[in-house]
């Protein structure tokens, strides 16, 4: 038997179908609400469903809200990454402090001799050496022919025994009346009261010259050390 719904007749089978559709719709709506609630706590499912709805119908679901959970333990360090490319060279640093002086090097080879310098000023006279070259005995007289003759002695060096020996006895300012006369010369060492005769030159003829020398070869002995000599005696004849 049909009934009127809104002025239109509704058959019993149509009414039954409508009631079933309402129940199915309610069930689907309830499932959708439960599903949406569950999607809030399952981000992966939410993302999958949202992607499917979006691709098929252009519908996007609200993002799922995850549960707040305590932070997990720190993971183990990862393996070192690959070495990067070298960076550009940095600027030069400031100069460091000077180091300590090194040890002196070995002496170099001697250079060539330089030119001779100018002669220096003459030095002061040195002291008389032992048995010096000149030993003056002042003025002497030679008898009647001359009353003032200068006498001096010179020495020669013997390198072999490092000694000075008599070289010659020189007489000067001899007057002409003495020329050609014979003279004897006696050499002594020591001091007054203890003189010792060291050598003698006998029979030497005075030449015709105001200055002459009697060489050591005229004395006997010929090698007489100069240092000990302290006195001369002359004897003239003829």
Protein backbone atom coordinates (compact mmCIF):
# COMPACT_ATOMS: atom_id res chain seq x y z
CA UNK A 1 0.00 0.00 0.00
CA UNK A 2 1.45 3.35 -1.04
CA UNK A 3 1.49 6.37 1.24
CA UNK A 4 1.81 10.05 0.48
CA UNK A 5 5.08 11.81 1.28
CA UNK A 6 5.06 15.53 0.43
CA UNK A 7 2.04 15.06 -1.76
CA UNK A 8 3.64 12.21 -3.66
CA UNK A 9 2.77 8.55 -3.19
CA UNK A 10 5.58 6.46 -1.69
CA UNK A 11 5.57 2.78 -1.98
CA UNK A 12 6.67 0.54 0.93
CA UNK A 13 9.73 -0.77 -0.90
CA UNK A 14 10.93 2.75 -1.65
CA UNK A 15 10.53 3.71 1.99
CA UNK A 16 12.56 0.69 3.01
CA UNK A 17 15.30 1.61 0.55
CA UNK A 18 15.47 5.17 1.87
CA UNK A 19 15.80 3.99 5.44
CA UNK A 20 18.68 1.68 4.47
CA UNK A 21 20.43 4.52 2.67
CA UNK A 22 20.18 6.72 5.72
CA UNK A 23 21.70 4.00 7.91
CA UNK A 24 24.52 3.38 5.44
CA UNK A 25 25.22 7.11 5.24
CA UNK A 26 25.37 7.35 9.02
CA UNK A 27 27.72 4.41 9.20
CA UNK A 28 30.03 5.88 6.53
CA UNK A 29 30.02 9.28 8.22
CA UNK A 30 30.86 7.64 11.54
CA UNK A 31 33.71 5.66 9.97
CA UNK A 32 35.03 8.83 8.32
CA UNK A 33 35.06 10.68 11.64
CA UNK A 34 36.86 7.80 13.36
CA UNK A 35 39.31 7.55 10.46
CA UNK A 36 40.05 11.28 10.58
CA UNK A 37 40.62 11.04 14.32
CA UNK A 38 43.02 8.15 13.87
CA UNK A 39 44.83 9.94 11.07
CA UNK A 40 45.81 12.66 13.55
CA UNK A 41 48.08 10.13 15.30
CA UNK A 42 49.46 8.32 12.25
CA UNK A 43 51.38 10.79 10.05
CA UNK A 44 52.36 8.12 7.53
CA UNK A 45 48.74 6.97 6.99
CA UNK A 46 47.55 10.56 6.94
CA UNK A 47 50.08 11.39 4.25
CA UNK A 48 49.07 8.32 2.17
CA UNK A 49 45.33 9.03 2.39
CA UNK A 50 45.79 12.75 1.78
CA UNK A 51 47.89 11.98 -1.31
CA UNK A 52 45.25 9.55 -2.63
CA UNK A 53 42.38 11.98 -2.07
CA UNK A 54 44.32 14.81 -3.49
CA UNK A 55 45.31 12.92 -6.64
CA UNK A 56 41.75 11.57 -7.17
CA UNK A 57 39.39 14.30 -5.96
CA UNK A 58 41.60 17.32 -5.16
CA UNK A 59 40.82 16.96 -1.45
CA UNK A 60 43.51 17.43 1.21
CA UNK A 61 43.26 16.24 4.78
CA UNK A 62 44.53 18.30 7.69
CA UNK A 63 48.03 17.37 8.76
CA UNK A 64 48.21 14.71 11.38
CA UNK A 65 49.29 15.74 14.82
CA UNK A 66 51.89 13.39 16.16
CA UNK A 67 52.21 12.38 19.75
CA UNK A 68 54.86 14.09 21.78
CA UNK A 69 57.33 11.49 22.99
CA UNK A 70 60.61 11.84 24.93
CA UNK A 71 63.71 12.45 22.87
CA UNK A 72 65.59 9.28 22.03
CA UNK A 73 69.26 8.65 22.95
CA UNK A 74 71.92 10.41 20.92
CA UNK A 75 72.98 8.38 17.95
CA UNK A 76 76.55 7.24 17.42
CA UNK A 77 78.80 9.57 15.42
CA UNK A 78 78.69 9.06 11.72
CA UNK A 79 81.75 8.07 9.70
CA UNK A 80 84.04 10.94 8.72
CA UNK A 81 83.13 12.66 5.52
CA UNK A 82 85.39 12.84 2.50
CA UNK A 83 88.28 15.28 2.72
CA UNK A 84 87.43 18.64 1.24
CA UNK A 85 89.49 20.32 -1.42
CA UNK A 86 92.44 22.40 -0.12
CA UNK A 87 91.54 25.98 0.63
CA UNK A 88 93.50 28.92 -0.81
CA UNK A 89 96.82 29.84 0.80
CA UNK A 90 96.54 32.26 3.70
CA UNK A 91 98.34 35.57 3.95
CA UNK A 92 102.01 35.61 4.96
CA UNK A 93 102.51 35.92 8.68
CA UNK A 94 104.59 38.64 10.30
CA UNK A 95 108.38 38.17 10.32
CA UNK A 96 109.66 36.36 13.38
CA UNK A 97 112.30 37.75 15.74
CA UNK A 98 115.94 37.49 14.65
CA UNK A 99 117.61 34.28 15.77
CA UNK A 100 120.76 34.13 17.86
CA UNK A 101 124.09 34.69 16.08
CA UNK A 102 125.63 31.51 14.74
CA UNK A 103 129.10 30.29 15.64
CA UNK A 104 132.05 31.98 13.96
CA UNK A 105 133.08 30.31 10.74
CA UNK A 106 136.56 29.01 10.03
CA UNK A 107 139.21 31.58 9.15
CA UNK A 108 139.52 32.20 5.44
CA UNK A 109 142.71 31.92 3.48
CA UNK A 110 145.24 34.73 3.90
CA UNK A 111 144.82 37.49 1.35
CA UNK A 112 147.60 38.81 -0.83
CA UNK A 113 150.16 41.06 0.84
CA UNK A 114 149.29 44.74 0.60
CA UNK A 115 151.62 47.42 -0.64
CA UNK A 116 154.36 48.57 1.74
CA UNK A 117 153.30 51.49 3.90
CA UNK A 118 155.26 54.69 4.30
CA UNK A 119 158.31 54.57 6.57
CA UNK A 120 157.53 55.44 10.16
CA UNK A 121 159.31 58.07 12.17
CA UNK A 122 162.73 57.18 13.58
CA UNK A 123 162.53 55.63 17.01
CA UNK A 124 164.44 56.81 20.03
CA UNK A 125 168.04 55.70 20.34
CA UNK A 126 168.36 52.37 22.08
CA UNK A 127 170.63 51.64 25.00
CA UNK A 128 174.18 50.52 24.27
CA UNK A 129 174.35 46.76 23.86
CA UNK A 130 176.92 44.54 25.43
CA UNK A 131 180.21 45.02 23.52
CA UNK A 132 178.68 47.77 21.42
CA UNK A 133 179.98 48.90 18.07
CA UNK A 134 181.66 52.02 19.44
CA UNK A 135 183.37 52.37 22.77
CA UNK A 136 184.97 55.82 22.92
CA UNK A 137 187.91 56.34 25.22
CA UNK A 138 188.26 60.06 24.64
CA UNK A 139 191.45 61.93 23.85
CA UNK A 140 194.91 60.51 24.50
CA UNK A 141 198.46 61.69 23.92
CA UNK A 142 201.04 60.02 21.70
CA UNK A 143 204.24 61.33 23.21
CA UNK A 144 205.90 64.37 21.70
CA UNK A 145 204.32 64.10 18.20
CA UNK A 146 200.68 64.74 19.28
CA UNK A 147 199.01 65.74 22.53
CA UNK A 148 195.36 65.06 21.56
CA UNK A 149 194.20 62.05 19.53
CA UNK A 150 190.65 60.68 19.43
CA UNK A 151 190.30 56.91 19.87
CA UNK A 152 187.29 54.64 19.39
CA UNK A 153 186.74 50.90 19.10
CA UNK A 154 184.27 49.04 16.89
CA UNK A 155 183.03 45.47 17.22
CA UNK A 156 181.95 42.66 14.95
CA UNK A 157 179.20 40.12 15.66
CA UNK A 158 179.86 36.40 15.63
CA UNK A 159 176.56 34.77 14.81
CA UNK A 160 177.78 31.25 15.56
CA UNK A 161 178.41 31.97 19.24
CA UNK A 162 176.26 35.14 19.57
CA UNK A 163 179.09 37.37 20.84
CA UNK A 164 180.71 40.67 19.91
CA UNK A 165 184.44 40.65 19.17
CA UNK A 166 186.94 43.46 18.58
CA UNK A 167 186.83 44.58 14.95
CA UNK A 168 189.22 47.54 14.88
CA UNK A 169 190.65 50.45 16.85
CA UNK A 170 190.36 53.77 15.04
CA UNK A 171 192.60 56.81 15.75
CA UNK A 172 191.69 60.24 14.39
CA UNK A 173 193.07 63.80 14.49
CA UNK A 174 196.60 62.37 14.30
CA UNK A 175 199.17 65.14 13.77
CA UNK A 176 201.55 64.98 10.81
CA UNK A 177 204.70 64.64 12.98
CA UNK A 178 203.41 61.16 13.99
CA UNK A 179 203.20 59.85 10.41
CA UNK A 180 205.60 56.92 9.85
CA UNK A 181 206.12 56.28 13.58
CA UNK A 182 205.57 52.83 15.10
CA UNK A 183 202.74 52.33 17.61
CA UNK A 184 201.91 49.51 20.06
CA UNK A 185 198.30 49.12 21.34
CA UNK A 186 197.45 47.19 24.54
CA UNK A 187 193.90 46.11 25.41
CA UNK A 188 192.87 45.44 29.03
CA UNK A 189 189.80 44.23 30.92
CA UNK A 190 188.92 44.62 34.57
CA UNK A 191 189.04 47.67 36.85
CA UNK A 192 191.76 49.75 38.49
CA UNK A 193 194.02 47.58 40.63
CA UNK A 194 192.99 44.38 38.81
CA UNK A 195 193.48 45.00 35.09
CA UNK A 196 194.13 41.99 32.85
CA UNK A 197 195.79 42.30 29.43
CA UNK A 198 193.57 40.71 26.76
CA UNK A 199 195.45 41.49 23.52
CA UNK A 200 198.26 43.53 21.97
CA UNK A 201 199.09 44.91 18.51
CA UNK A 202 202.83 45.57 18.25
CA UNK A 203 204.93 47.48 15.67
CA UNK A 204 202.03 49.00 13.66
CA UNK A 205 203.28 51.86 11.42
CA UNK A 206 201.17 55.01 11.45
CA UNK A 207 200.22 55.89 7.85
CA UNK A 208 200.36 59.40 6.42
CA UNK A 209 196.74 60.03 7.30
CA UNK A 210 195.10 61.95 10.14
CA UNK A 211 192.63 59.04 10.64
CA UNK A 212 193.52 55.37 10.43
CA UNK A 213 192.32 52.03 11.84
CA UNK A 214 194.20 49.08 13.32
CA UNK A 215 192.22 45.91 12.34
CA UNK A 216 191.70 42.97 14.71
CA UNK A 217 194.04 40.90 12.53
CA UNK A 218 196.96 43.00 13.89
CA UNK A 219 196.13 41.87 17.47
CA UNK A 220 197.17 38.75 19.24
CA UNK A 221 194.95 36.96 19.84
CA UNK A 222 192.70 38.03 16.98
CA UNK A 223 189.38 37.02 18.61
CA UNK A 224 189.01 39.29 21.63
CA UNK A 225 185.54 39.78 23.16
CA UNK A 226 184.55 43.45 23.17
CA UNK A 227 182.41 43.45 26.28
CA UNK A 228 185.12 42.87 28.90
CA UNK A 229 187.51 45.50 27.42
CA UNK A 230 187.76 48.56 29.65
CA UNK A 231 191.14 50.22 28.98
CA UNK A 232 193.55 50.98 26.08
CA UNK A 233 197.26 51.83 26.33
CA UNK A 234 199.34 53.20 23.44
CA UNK A 235 203.09 53.32 23.11
CA UNK A 236 204.73 55.18 20.17
CA UNK A 237 208.33 55.07 19.03
CA UNK A 238 210.45 56.25 16.14
